[in-house]
Amino acid sequence: LLVPAMWFLLAVVLAALAGGLAAGLLAVASSTVLLPLLFLDPRWSLGAHDTEELGGVVAFVIASLLLCLVLDHLQTSRQAAVEAIADRDRSLGLLDSILANAPVGFAFFDRDLRFARVNEALARLDEEPESAHLGRPAEDVLGPAGHEMAAFLRRVRDTGEPILDVEIDRQRRRSGTPLHAVAGYYPVRDAAGVVTGVGVVVQDVTDRVRAETERSLLFDRVARIQAVTAGLSGAATLAEVVDVVLAQGRHAFGADEASLALADADGITVHFESDLPEGGRTERIPLDSDSPHATAIRTGEPVLLGTRDLVGTRFPDVPDSIHSLAVLPLTAERRTLGAVDVGFEAERDFDPGDRAFLAAVAGLLAAALERARLFEAERAARDEAERASERVAFLAEVSASLASSLDWESTLGGIAAHAVPALADWCAVVAVEGSSLRALAVTHVEPEREAAMRELVQRYPLDAGRADGLRRALRTGQPVLVPEVTEELVEQLAIDDSHLALLRDVGVRSLLVVPLLVQGGAVGAITLGCSFERRLG
């Protein structure tokens, strides 16, 4: 019975393997019927008289059933394993697809803190291929920047706590371009909760930081332009515009040094801001000099030098502390009025945004200079018209005085009253009497100074052989004009201390001596003078 039973058992195994549990049970039932029917006595009968043989059939049935159940369990487990592997492969494929197309960088580090997995986005951030990451620690791939990353990795591995929102601000290792990113470090655990590695997610925010920086820079530039505009709006004269530029120049351009040059027919006047070591001063330079200001004024083109080597080579006299330089011509109505020089202690690229901003501020300054020039020209024309009107009125009054009296001395004396304050701040009319002079009339806009003035004319007739002397005008018959009488000239004119005191009491700041001629001879002279801001000329 044993050999047939082994064959039937093999059939049961094959049926269970081929058809599963149902086919195996069917094979067990068939074998249970056929085994005693074919191999037990009496043949072709389901009866059995031998208890031992009947026990063998029962053992066969039990063994077959157990074998079917075991095979079914194995097949079910195998199928589950196959499906699990398929699910894993699908999940891994989906993960690979997500990581490959994700806009953020991802990396997985093993327990030894070596790269075990990295996606393409992170490889681009590191400027290294994916294969160059695998199996290597962060320090080897990223260089010095990897030391900080390795410290975060160790902390997460050892504590099992994530670290979030870590800001990365560095230069890329190969290209040197700036990188701004935000990273998160997460522990990766197995089913038992044991940390098996560390996952890192890195989001590149360089474009966002650049946009925020540019927006902040734009707001700052607008604020600076508004400040300059506000300052220039109240500046009417050229001197006021210069004061505003020197006071706000560095802040307006965001520079470390600024100066302003104004061109005229005789050359260039450079104004330096007051808080420089040489500040509060002006300097005259010729238009054909090699200075930065003269170069920009001559060419009408901006000069932008972004490195110390360029600055030093082009303009050796520029201080060594200035590492980049911008010299901008100030042009209005196709005329170059001057130039503004701004220096920076750091090197600059002068990108299109910088160039546009510099040009905008230079345009504001040029417009203010042109407005001040027109204002001063208009004011000068108006003042000249007023002076002409005053001269006409003066001549009319003098003509009326001359026509009203035959006493020439009293008539000439009355001229002084008409001349002040129409033409000058003070007036003295003297007559020639032999070798001496006699004061016919003395008038000062401030009456309390007339006594000092009369003594000055009588005792010191502004002569002593000097070119501006009263006697010289009487001798030559030609007027003598001194538009600007400086303190140094006053001291030169003074014969003694008493003379100097009288000159200062009267206030001699501008002087005009006109001889009175009768038949070719001088019979006297009219001296006009200014004591305050007004000047003769």
Protein backbone atom coordinates (compact mmCIF):
# COMPACT_ATOMS: atom_id res chain seq x y z
CA LEU A 1 0.00 0.00 0.00
CA LEU A 2 2.95 2.34 0.65
CA VAL A 3 4.07 2.67 -2.97
CA PRO A 4 0.60 3.37 -4.39
CA ALA A 5 0.03 5.79 -1.53
CA MET A 6 3.22 7.70 -2.49
CA TRP A 7 2.02 7.97 -6.08
CA PHE A 8 -1.38 9.22 -4.98
CA LEU A 9 0.31 11.69 -2.62
CA LEU A 10 2.38 12.97 -5.54
CA ALA A 11 -0.80 13.40 -7.53
CA VAL A 12 -2.35 15.37 -4.68
CA VAL A 13 0.75 17.64 -4.54
CA LEU A 14 0.65 18.24 -8.27
CA ALA A 15 -3.09 18.95 -8.18
CA ALA A 16 -2.65 21.36 -5.24
CA LEU A 17 0.24 23.13 -6.95
CA ALA A 18 -1.57 23.40 -10.26
CA GLY A 19 -5.10 24.13 -9.12
CA GLY A 20 -4.86 25.37 -5.61
CA LEU A 21 -6.63 24.15 -2.49
CA ALA A 22 -9.85 23.04 -4.26
CA ALA A 23 -8.00 20.92 -6.79
CA GLY A 24 -5.86 19.43 -4.01
CA LEU A 25 -8.94 18.50 -1.94
CA LEU A 26 -10.55 16.95 -4.98
CA ALA A 27 -7.37 14.93 -5.55
CA VAL A 28 -7.42 13.85 -1.89
CA ALA A 29 -11.04 12.67 -2.18
CA SER A 30 -10.35 10.81 -5.43
CA SER A 31 -7.24 9.20 -4.00
CA THR A 32 -9.13 8.16 -0.84
CA VAL A 33 -11.69 6.29 -2.99
CA LEU A 34 -9.26 4.80 -5.50
CA LEU A 35 -6.59 3.68 -3.06
CA PRO A 36 -8.69 1.02 -1.20
CA LEU A 37 -10.71 0.23 -4.31
CA LEU A 38 -7.63 -0.71 -6.33
CA PHE A 39 -5.09 -1.83 -3.82
CA LEU A 40 -6.91 -3.30 -0.77
CA ASP A 41 -8.50 -6.71 -0.45
CA PRO A 42 -11.13 -7.47 -1.42
CA ARG A 43 -10.41 -5.71 -4.70
CA TRP A 44 -12.96 -3.47 -6.26
CA SER A 45 -14.60 -3.05 -2.94
CA LEU A 46 -14.59 -0.11 -0.52
CA GLY A 47 -14.53 -2.49 2.40
CA ALA A 48 -11.29 -3.27 4.28
CA HIS A 49 -10.72 -6.23 6.62
CA ASP A 50 -7.13 -5.39 7.54
CA THR A 51 -7.07 -2.81 10.31
CA GLU A 52 -3.44 -1.94 9.56
CA GLU A 53 -4.21 -1.24 5.90
CA LEU A 54 -7.24 0.82 6.91
CA GLY A 55 -5.00 2.84 9.27
CA GLY A 56 -2.64 3.46 6.36
CA VAL A 57 -5.51 4.85 4.27
CA VAL A 58 -6.49 7.17 7.15
CA ALA A 59 -2.85 8.30 7.54
CA PHE A 60 -2.73 8.97 3.79
CA VAL A 61 -5.86 11.11 3.98
CA ILE A 62 -4.53 13.11 6.93
CA ALA A 63 -1.14 13.59 5.34
CA SER A 64 -2.73 14.63 2.05
CA LEU A 65 -4.99 17.16 3.74
CA LEU A 66 -2.12 18.63 5.73
CA LEU A 67 0.03 18.78 2.64
CA CYS A 68 -2.74 20.58 0.70
CA LEU A 69 -3.18 23.11 3.46
CA VAL A 70 0.58 23.71 3.69
CA LEU A 71 0.91 24.08 -0.07
CA ASP A 72 -2.06 26.46 -0.17
CA HIS A 73 -0.54 28.57 2.59
CA LEU A 74 2.79 28.64 0.80
CA GLN A 75 1.16 29.62 -2.47
CA THR A 76 -0.92 32.31 -0.76
CA SER A 77 2.19 33.70 0.98
CA ARG A 78 4.12 33.61 -2.28
CA GLN A 79 1.37 35.46 -4.07
CA ALA A 80 1.22 38.04 -1.30
CA ALA A 81 4.99 38.46 -1.48
CA VAL A 82 4.86 38.86 -5.25
CA GLU A 83 2.13 41.47 -4.92
CA ALA A 84 4.05 43.22 -2.17
CA ILE A 85 7.15 43.31 -4.34
CA ALA A 86 5.08 44.64 -7.23
CA ASP A 87 3.56 47.29 -4.97
CA ARG A 88 7.01 48.22 -3.76
CA ASP A 89 8.31 48.47 -7.30
CA ARG A 90 5.32 50.61 -8.28
CA SER A 91 5.83 52.79 -5.22
CA LEU A 92 9.53 53.12 -5.91
CA GLY A 93 8.80 53.97 -9.51
CA LEU A 94 6.27 56.56 -8.46
CA LEU A 95 8.73 57.95 -5.90
CA ASP A 96 11.47 58.07 -8.52
CA SER A 97 9.13 59.90 -10.89
CA ILE A 98 8.11 62.37 -8.18
CA LEU A 99 11.69 63.00 -7.09
CA ALA A 100 12.90 63.31 -10.67
CA ASN A 101 10.30 65.94 -11.49
CA ALA A 102 10.04 67.62 -8.10
CA PRO A 103 10.96 71.33 -8.03
CA VAL A 104 12.76 70.82 -4.71
CA GLY A 105 15.97 68.97 -3.99
CA PHE A 106 15.86 65.69 -2.07
CA ALA A 107 18.59 63.53 -0.59
CA PHE A 108 18.69 60.48 1.69
CA PHE A 109 21.70 59.82 3.91
CA ASP A 110 22.39 56.44 5.49
CA ARG A 111 23.46 55.87 9.08
CA ASP A 112 27.05 56.75 8.14
CA LEU A 113 25.77 60.07 6.77
CA ARG A 114 26.72 59.29 3.21
CA PHE A 115 24.57 60.09 0.23
CA ALA A 116 22.38 57.05 -0.50
CA ARG A 117 19.91 58.76 -2.81
CA VAL A 118 19.72 62.17 -4.47
CA ASN A 119 17.38 63.62 -7.07
CA GLU A 120 18.23 65.70 -10.11
CA ALA A 121 17.02 68.98 -8.57
CA LEU A 122 19.49 68.68 -5.69
CA ALA A 123 22.26 67.66 -8.08
CA ARG A 124 21.65 70.88 -10.03
CA LEU A 125 21.79 72.94 -6.85
CA ASP A 126 25.11 71.32 -5.91
CA GLU A 127 26.40 71.55 -9.52
CA GLU A 128 27.48 67.90 -9.29
CA PRO A 129 26.01 64.88 -11.13
CA GLU A 130 23.91 62.42 -9.14
CA SER A 131 26.57 59.73 -9.44
CA ALA A 132 29.13 62.06 -7.80
CA HIS A 133 26.99 62.15 -4.64
CA LEU A 134 26.34 58.48 -3.96
CA GLY A 135 28.41 56.90 -1.22
CA ARG A 136 30.16 60.17 -0.30
CA PRO A 137 29.74 62.40 2.78
CA ALA A 138 28.45 65.96 2.39
CA GLU A 139 31.91 67.48 3.06
CA ASP A 140 33.39 65.69 0.04
CA VAL A 141 30.64 66.85 -2.32
CA LEU A 142 30.02 70.40 -1.07
CA GLY A 143 33.41 71.38 0.30
CA PRO A 144 33.45 73.82 3.24
CA ALA A 145 29.67 74.33 2.96
CA GLY A 146 29.22 70.63 3.69
CA HIS A 147 30.53 70.93 7.26
CA GLU A 148 27.45 72.82 8.42
CA MET A 149 25.20 70.34 6.65
CA ALA A 150 27.03 67.40 8.27
CA ALA A 151 26.46 68.96 11.70
CA PHE A 152 22.70 69.10 11.08
CA LEU A 153 22.71 65.51 9.79
CA ARG A 154 24.48 64.21 12.91
CA ARG A 155 22.11 66.08 15.17
CA VAL A 156 19.02 64.62 13.47
CA ARG A 157 20.50 61.09 13.42
CA ASP A 158 21.49 61.22 17.07
CA THR A 159 18.37 62.92 18.48
CA GLY A 160 15.72 61.64 16.08
CA GLU A 161 14.26 65.17 15.97
CA PRO A 162 13.73 67.07 12.70
CA ILE A 163 15.33 70.45 12.00
CA LEU A 164 13.21 72.75 9.87
CA ASP A 165 13.59 76.02 7.95
CA VAL A 166 17.38 76.11 7.84
CA GLU A 167 18.46 79.04 5.66
CA ILE A 168 21.28 78.47 3.19
CA ASP A 169 23.11 81.54 1.89
CA ARG A 170 26.33 80.76 0.09
CA GLN A 171 28.15 80.78 -3.23
CA ARG A 172 27.89 77.77 -5.48
CA ARG A 173 31.10 75.78 -5.42
CA ARG A 174 31.78 75.68 -9.16
CA SER A 175 30.12 78.71 -10.77
CA GLY A 176 30.41 81.06 -7.80
CA THR A 177 26.83 82.28 -8.32
CA PRO A 178 24.77 83.05 -5.21
CA LEU A 179 22.51 80.35 -3.78
CA HIS A 180 19.66 81.07 -1.39
CA ALA A 181 17.70 78.04 -0.18
CA VAL A 182 15.65 76.72 2.73
CA ALA A 183 16.38 73.17 3.97
CA GLY A 184 14.61 70.69 6.23
CA TYR A 185 16.24 67.66 7.88
CA TYR A 186 14.02 64.68 8.83
CA PRO A 187 14.79 61.34 10.55
CA VAL A 188 13.91 58.25 8.48
CA ARG A 189 12.77 55.25 10.57
CA ASP A 190 12.12 51.58 9.84
CA ALA A 191 9.02 49.61 10.91
CA ALA A 192 10.49 49.21 14.40
CA GLY A 193 10.98 52.95 14.79
CA VAL A 194 14.77 52.81 14.55
CA VAL A 195 16.42 55.73 12.72
CA THR A 196 17.97 54.28 9.57
CA GLY A 197 19.02 57.54 7.96
CA VAL A 198 18.25 61.20 7.41
CA GLY A 199 16.19 62.76 4.65
CA VAL A 200 16.91 66.28 3.43
CA VAL A 201 14.57 68.51 1.44
CA VAL A 202 16.04 71.70 -0.07
CA GLN A 203 13.96 74.41 -1.74
CA ASP A 204 15.79 76.90 -3.96
CA VAL A 205 14.55 80.43 -3.16
CA THR A 206 17.28 82.31 -5.04
CA ASP A 207 14.85 83.87 -7.51
CA ARG A 208 12.50 84.90 -4.73
CA VAL A 209 15.31 86.44 -2.68
CA ARG A 210 16.60 88.21 -5.78
CA ALA A 211 13.11 89.57 -6.52
CA GLU A 212 12.67 90.72 -2.92
CA THR A 213 16.12 92.32 -2.98
CA GLU A 214 15.37 94.10 -6.25
CA ARG A 215 12.01 95.26 -4.95
CA SER A 216 13.60 96.55 -1.75
CA LEU A 217 16.33 98.23 -3.79
CA LEU A 218 13.71 99.81 -6.04
CA PHE A 219 11.78 101.18 -3.05
CA ASP A 220 15.03 102.51 -1.57
CA ARG A 221 15.98 104.19 -4.84
CA VAL A 222 12.55 105.74 -5.20
CA ALA A 223 12.82 107.09 -1.65
CA ARG A 224 16.25 108.55 -2.39
CA ILE A 225 15.01 110.14 -5.61
CA GLN A 226 12.07 111.62 -3.71
CA ALA A 227 14.44 113.03 -1.08
CA VAL A 228 16.63 114.63 -3.75
CA THR A 229 13.59 115.98 -5.57
CA ALA A 230 12.26 117.49 -2.34
CA GLY A 231 15.60 119.11 -1.62
CA LEU A 232 16.01 120.48 -5.14
CA SER A 233 12.45 121.78 -5.25
CA GLY A 234 13.39 124.44 -2.72
CA ALA A 235 16.69 125.33 -4.41
CA ALA A 236 16.29 128.33 -6.71
CA THR A 237 19.84 129.60 -7.15
CA LEU A 238 22.93 127.81 -8.35
CA ALA A 239 24.50 128.04 -4.90
CA GLU A 240 21.43 126.46 -3.32
CA VAL A 241 21.50 123.59 -5.84
CA VAL A 242 25.18 122.99 -5.10
CA ASP A 243 24.43 122.91 -1.36
CA VAL A 244 21.67 120.32 -1.86
CA VAL A 245 23.87 118.14 -4.07
CA LEU A 246 26.76 118.22 -1.62
CA ALA A 247 24.46 117.57 1.34
CA GLN A 248 22.50 114.69 -0.23
CA GLY A 249 24.80 113.46 -2.98
CA ARG A 250 26.24 110.42 -1.25
CA HIS A 251 22.88 109.33 0.15
CA ALA A 252 21.15 109.86 -3.20
CA PHE A 253 23.62 107.66 -5.05
CA GLY A 254 24.27 105.25 -2.16
CA ALA A 255 27.94 106.15 -2.50
CA ASP A 256 30.86 106.70 -0.12
CA GLU A 257 32.11 109.91 -1.79
CA ALA A 258 30.52 112.56 -4.00
CA SER A 259 31.56 115.84 -5.59
CA LEU A 260 30.04 118.24 -8.10
CA ALA A 261 31.80 120.01 -10.96
CA LEU A 262 30.34 123.00 -12.82
CA ALA A 263 31.69 124.12 -16.17
CA ASP A 264 32.05 127.70 -17.33
CA ALA A 265 33.86 129.51 -20.10
CA ASP A 266 37.15 129.62 -18.19
CA GLY A 267 37.27 126.07 -16.84
CA ILE A 268 35.69 123.86 -14.22
CA THR A 269 34.88 124.49 -10.55
CA VAL A 270 34.79 121.34 -8.43
CA HIS A 271 32.78 121.46 -5.19
CA PHE A 272 33.62 118.89 -2.52
CA GLU A 273 31.20 117.82 0.20
CA SER A 274 31.91 119.19 3.64
CA ASP A 275 32.49 115.94 5.58
CA LEU A 276 35.36 114.72 3.44
CA PRO A 277 38.89 115.21 4.81
CA GLU A 278 39.37 117.99 2.24
CA GLY A 279 35.67 118.89 2.42
CA GLY A 280 34.08 122.29 2.31
CA ARG A 281 36.36 123.52 -0.47
CA THR A 282 36.32 124.22 -4.16
CA GLU A 283 38.99 123.62 -6.75
CA ARG A 284 39.50 125.10 -10.20
CA ILE A 285 40.69 122.76 -12.94
CA PRO A 286 41.14 123.33 -16.68
CA LEU A 287 38.65 121.82 -19.08
CA ASP A 288 41.38 119.86 -20.85
CA SER A 289 42.68 118.16 -17.69
CA ASP A 290 42.67 114.38 -17.24
CA SER A 291 40.48 114.48 -14.13
CA PRO A 292 37.28 112.40 -13.96
CA HIS A 293 35.07 115.51 -14.01
CA ALA A 294 36.79 117.09 -17.01
CA THR A 295 36.69 113.81 -18.92
CA ALA A 296 32.92 113.42 -18.47
CA ILE A 297 32.26 117.09 -19.27
CA ARG A 298 34.38 117.03 -22.45
CA THR A 299 32.92 113.81 -23.81
CA GLY A 300 29.39 114.15 -22.52
CA GLU A 301 29.48 110.43 -21.74
CA PRO A 302 29.35 108.70 -18.33
CA VAL A 303 32.52 107.07 -17.00
CA LEU A 304 31.79 103.84 -15.09
CA LEU A 305 34.71 101.92 -13.60
CA GLY A 306 33.80 98.88 -11.51
CA THR A 307 37.15 97.73 -10.08
CA ARG A 308 40.08 99.32 -8.29
CA ASP A 309 42.43 98.32 -11.10
CA LEU A 310 40.29 100.15 -13.66
CA VAL A 311 39.98 103.22 -11.45
CA GLY A 312 43.69 103.38 -10.67
CA THR A 313 44.70 102.85 -14.30
CA ARG A 314 42.33 105.46 -15.71
CA PHE A 315 42.63 108.08 -12.95
CA PRO A 316 45.77 107.57 -10.82
CA ASP A 317 44.97 110.55 -8.56
CA VAL A 318 41.75 109.00 -7.23
CA PRO A 319 42.26 107.86 -3.58
CA ASP A 320 43.07 104.18 -3.06
CA SER A 321 39.98 103.77 -0.86
CA ILE A 322 37.73 104.23 -3.92
CA HIS A 323 37.33 100.84 -5.62
CA SER A 324 34.65 101.79 -8.14
CA LEU A 325 33.75 105.11 -9.69
CA ALA A 326 30.86 106.66 -11.58
CA VAL A 327 31.25 110.07 -13.22
CA LEU A 328 28.03 111.33 -14.79
CA PRO A 329 27.76 114.35 -17.11
CA LEU A 330 24.95 116.75 -16.23
CA THR A 331 23.34 117.62 -19.54
CA ALA A 332 20.35 119.85 -20.22
CA GLU A 333 19.13 121.26 -23.53
CA ARG A 334 22.08 119.57 -25.26
CA ARG A 335 24.51 121.49 -23.06
CA THR A 336 26.84 119.87 -20.55
CA LEU A 337 26.55 121.98 -17.43
CA GLY A 338 28.91 119.94 -15.31
CA ALA A 339 29.45 116.48 -13.86
CA VAL A 340 28.84 114.62 -10.62
CA ASP A 341 31.48 112.20 -9.34
CA VAL A 342 30.43 109.39 -6.97
CA GLY A 343 32.87 106.87 -5.55
CA PHE A 344 32.30 103.54 -3.82
CA GLU A 345 34.61 101.72 -1.44
CA ALA A 346 33.35 98.36 -2.77
CA GLU A 347 33.65 97.14 -6.33
CA ARG A 348 30.44 97.26 -8.39
CA ASP A 349 29.21 95.71 -11.62
CA PHE A 350 27.10 98.73 -12.63
CA ASP A 351 24.34 96.52 -14.03
CA PRO A 352 21.55 98.00 -16.17
CA GLY A 353 19.51 98.80 -13.05
CA ASP A 354 22.43 100.74 -11.53
CA ARG A 355 23.03 102.61 -14.79
CA ALA A 356 19.36 103.58 -15.10
CA PHE A 357 19.25 104.80 -11.49
CA LEU A 358 22.46 106.82 -11.82
CA ALA A 359 21.19 108.37 -15.05
CA ALA A 360 17.85 109.25 -13.40
CA VAL A 361 19.50 111.06 -10.47
CA ALA A 362 21.94 112.82 -12.81
CA GLY A 363 18.96 113.95 -14.90
CA LEU A 364 17.33 115.46 -11.80
CA LEU A 365 20.53 117.31 -10.92
CA ALA A 366 20.98 118.58 -14.47
CA ALA A 367 17.39 119.83 -14.60
CA ALA A 368 17.86 121.62 -11.26
CA LEU A 369 21.10 123.24 -12.48
CA GLU A 370 19.44 124.39 -15.69
CA ARG A 371 16.48 125.75 -13.74
CA ALA A 372 18.82 127.62 -11.41
CA ARG A 373 20.79 128.99 -14.37
CA LEU A 374 17.62 130.27 -16.00
CA PHE A 375 16.41 131.70 -12.70
CA GLU A 376 19.66 133.57 -12.13
CA ALA A 377 19.72 134.79 -15.74
CA GLU A 378 16.15 136.04 -15.36
CA ARG A 379 16.96 137.66 -12.03
CA ALA A 380 20.08 139.28 -13.47
CA ALA A 381 18.06 140.61 -16.39
CA ARG A 382 15.41 141.91 -14.01
CA ASP A 383 18.04 143.51 -11.78
CA GLU A 384 19.68 145.08 -14.80
CA ALA A 385 16.34 146.42 -15.94
CA GLU A 386 15.72 147.85 -12.48
CA ARG A 387 19.18 149.42 -12.43
CA ALA A 388 18.58 150.90 -15.87
CA SER A 389 15.29 152.30 -14.65
CA GLU A 390 17.02 153.72 -11.59
CA ARG A 391 19.71 155.28 -13.77
CA VAL A 392 17.09 156.86 -16.00
CA ALA A 393 15.25 158.20 -12.96
CA PHE A 394 18.55 159.42 -11.51
CA LEU A 395 19.47 161.22 -14.72
CA ALA A 396 16.02 162.79 -14.85
CA GLU A 397 16.36 164.04 -11.27
CA VAL A 398 19.88 165.32 -11.88
CA SER A 399 18.74 167.08 -15.06
CA ALA A 400 15.92 168.74 -13.14
CA SER A 401 18.37 169.82 -10.42
CA LEU A 402 20.81 171.22 -12.95
CA ALA A 403 18.06 173.12 -14.70
CA SER A 404 16.70 174.56 -11.49
CA SER A 405 19.84 176.36 -10.27
CA LEU A 406 22.81 178.27 -11.64
CA ASP A 407 24.88 177.57 -8.50
CA TRP A 408 26.92 174.63 -9.71
CA GLU A 409 28.30 173.77 -6.28
CA SER A 410 24.89 173.45 -4.67
CA THR A 411 23.65 171.60 -7.72
CA LEU A 412 26.47 169.08 -7.54
CA GLY A 413 25.89 168.73 -3.84
CA GLY A 414 22.31 167.80 -4.48
CA ILE A 415 23.39 164.99 -6.80
CA ALA A 416 24.54 162.95 -3.77
CA ALA A 417 21.05 162.88 -2.34
CA HIS A 418 19.69 161.52 -5.63
CA ALA A 419 22.41 158.86 -5.97
CA VAL A 420 21.67 157.19 -2.61
CA PRO A 421 20.19 154.64 -2.46
CA ALA A 422 19.29 154.56 -6.18
CA LEU A 423 22.82 153.85 -7.40
CA ALA A 424 24.93 153.17 -4.34
CA ASP A 425 24.99 152.93 -0.55
CA TRP A 426 26.95 156.13 -0.20
CA CYS A 427 28.05 159.06 -2.36
CA ALA A 428 30.63 161.82 -1.93
CA VAL A 429 30.88 164.90 -4.19
CA VAL A 430 34.17 166.82 -3.95
CA ALA A 431 35.33 170.01 -5.68
CA VAL A 432 38.91 170.90 -6.67
CA GLU A 433 40.21 174.04 -5.00
CA GLY A 434 43.76 174.52 -6.12
CA SER A 435 45.82 171.67 -4.76
CA SER A 436 43.21 170.60 -2.22
CA LEU A 437 39.76 169.00 -2.24
CA ARG A 438 36.59 170.23 -0.60
CA ALA A 439 33.64 167.97 0.16
CA LEU A 440 30.49 169.50 -1.30
CA ALA A 441 28.13 166.72 -0.19
CA VAL A 442 28.38 163.41 1.66
CA THR A 443 25.43 161.00 1.85
CA HIS A 444 25.25 157.48 3.32
CA VAL A 445 22.32 155.09 3.35
CA GLU A 446 22.95 154.88 7.11
CA PRO A 447 23.10 158.51 8.32
CA GLU A 448 25.14 157.64 11.42
CA ARG A 449 28.09 156.83 9.14
CA GLU A 450 28.12 160.21 7.35
CA ALA A 451 30.45 161.85 9.89
CA ALA A 452 33.09 159.14 9.42
CA MET A 453 32.63 159.38 5.68
CA ARG A 454 33.07 163.16 5.62
CA GLU A 455 36.28 162.84 7.64
CA LEU A 456 37.47 160.11 5.27
CA VAL A 457 36.93 162.28 2.19
CA GLN A 458 38.54 165.35 3.73
CA ARG A 459 41.56 163.68 5.34
CA TYR A 460 42.19 160.69 3.07
CA PRO A 461 40.92 161.26 -0.51
CA LEU A 462 41.50 157.61 -1.47
CA ASP A 463 44.75 158.44 -3.18
CA ALA A 464 48.33 157.98 -2.00
CA GLY A 465 49.38 157.35 -5.61
CA ARG A 466 47.31 154.21 -5.99
CA ALA A 467 45.56 153.11 -9.16
CA ASP A 468 42.19 153.51 -7.48
CA GLY A 469 42.89 156.96 -6.13
CA LEU A 470 40.55 159.91 -6.44
CA ARG A 471 43.39 162.20 -7.53
CA ARG A 472 44.22 159.77 -10.34
CA ALA A 473 40.69 160.05 -11.71
CA LEU A 474 40.97 163.86 -11.51
CA ARG A 475 44.37 163.83 -13.17
CA THR A 476 43.51 161.50 -16.08
CA GLY A 477 39.88 162.48 -16.51
CA GLN A 478 38.94 158.78 -16.62
CA PRO A 479 36.59 156.97 -14.24
CA VAL A 480 38.13 154.51 -11.77
CA LEU A 481 36.10 151.34 -10.96
CA VAL A 482 36.94 148.81 -8.27
CA PRO A 483 34.06 146.24 -8.40
CA GLU A 484 35.26 144.25 -5.38
CA VAL A 485 37.16 145.82 -2.53
CA THR A 486 38.48 142.97 -0.38
CA GLU A 487 39.70 143.26 3.21
CA GLU A 488 43.24 142.83 1.94
CA LEU A 489 42.77 145.76 -0.44
CA VAL A 490 41.29 147.88 2.36
CA GLU A 491 44.41 147.22 4.43
CA GLN A 492 46.60 148.16 1.45
CA LEU A 493 44.67 151.42 0.89
CA ALA A 494 44.98 152.47 4.56
CA ILE A 495 47.76 154.96 5.23
CA ASP A 496 47.58 154.55 8.98
CA ASP A 497 45.43 152.99 11.67
CA SER A 498 43.05 155.95 11.74
CA HIS A 499 42.55 155.70 7.98
CA LEU A 500 41.88 151.95 8.28
CA ALA A 501 39.31 152.54 11.02
CA LEU A 502 37.48 155.13 8.89
CA LEU A 503 37.43 152.81 5.86
CA ARG A 504 35.91 150.06 7.98
CA ASP A 505 33.38 152.41 9.57
CA VAL A 506 32.16 153.62 6.16
CA GLY A 507 32.18 150.14 4.69
CA VAL A 508 33.99 150.17 1.36
CA ARG A 509 33.09 147.03 -0.61
CA SER A 510 32.77 148.43 -4.14
CA LEU A 511 33.92 151.78 -5.51
CA LEU A 512 33.40 154.04 -8.55
CA VAL A 513 35.03 157.48 -9.02
CA VAL A 514 33.70 159.68 -11.88
CA PRO A 515 35.54 162.98 -12.64
CA LEU A 516 33.47 166.12 -13.38
CA LEU A 517 34.97 167.78 -16.46
CA VAL A 518 34.43 171.37 -17.63
CA GLN A 519 36.12 172.33 -20.90
CA GLY A 520 38.48 169.39 -20.58
CA GLY A 521 39.47 170.11 -17.00
CA ALA A 522 38.35 168.31 -13.86
CA VAL A 523 36.52 170.58 -11.45
CA GLY A 524 35.49 167.84 -9.05
CA ALA A 525 34.45 164.22 -8.79
CA ILE A 526 31.57 162.03 -7.71
CA THR A 527 32.52 158.93 -5.69
CA LEU A 528 29.94 156.15 -5.39
CA GLY A 529 30.41 153.25 -3.03
CA CYS A 530 28.67 150.12 -1.76
CA SER A 531 28.97 148.95 1.82
CA PHE A 532 26.89 145.78 1.74
CA GLU A 533 25.96 143.07 -0.81
CA ARG A 534 25.39 145.33 -3.80
CA ARG A 535 28.33 145.83 -6.17
CA LEU A 536 29.11 148.48 -8.79
CA GLY A 537 30.06 147.45 -12.29
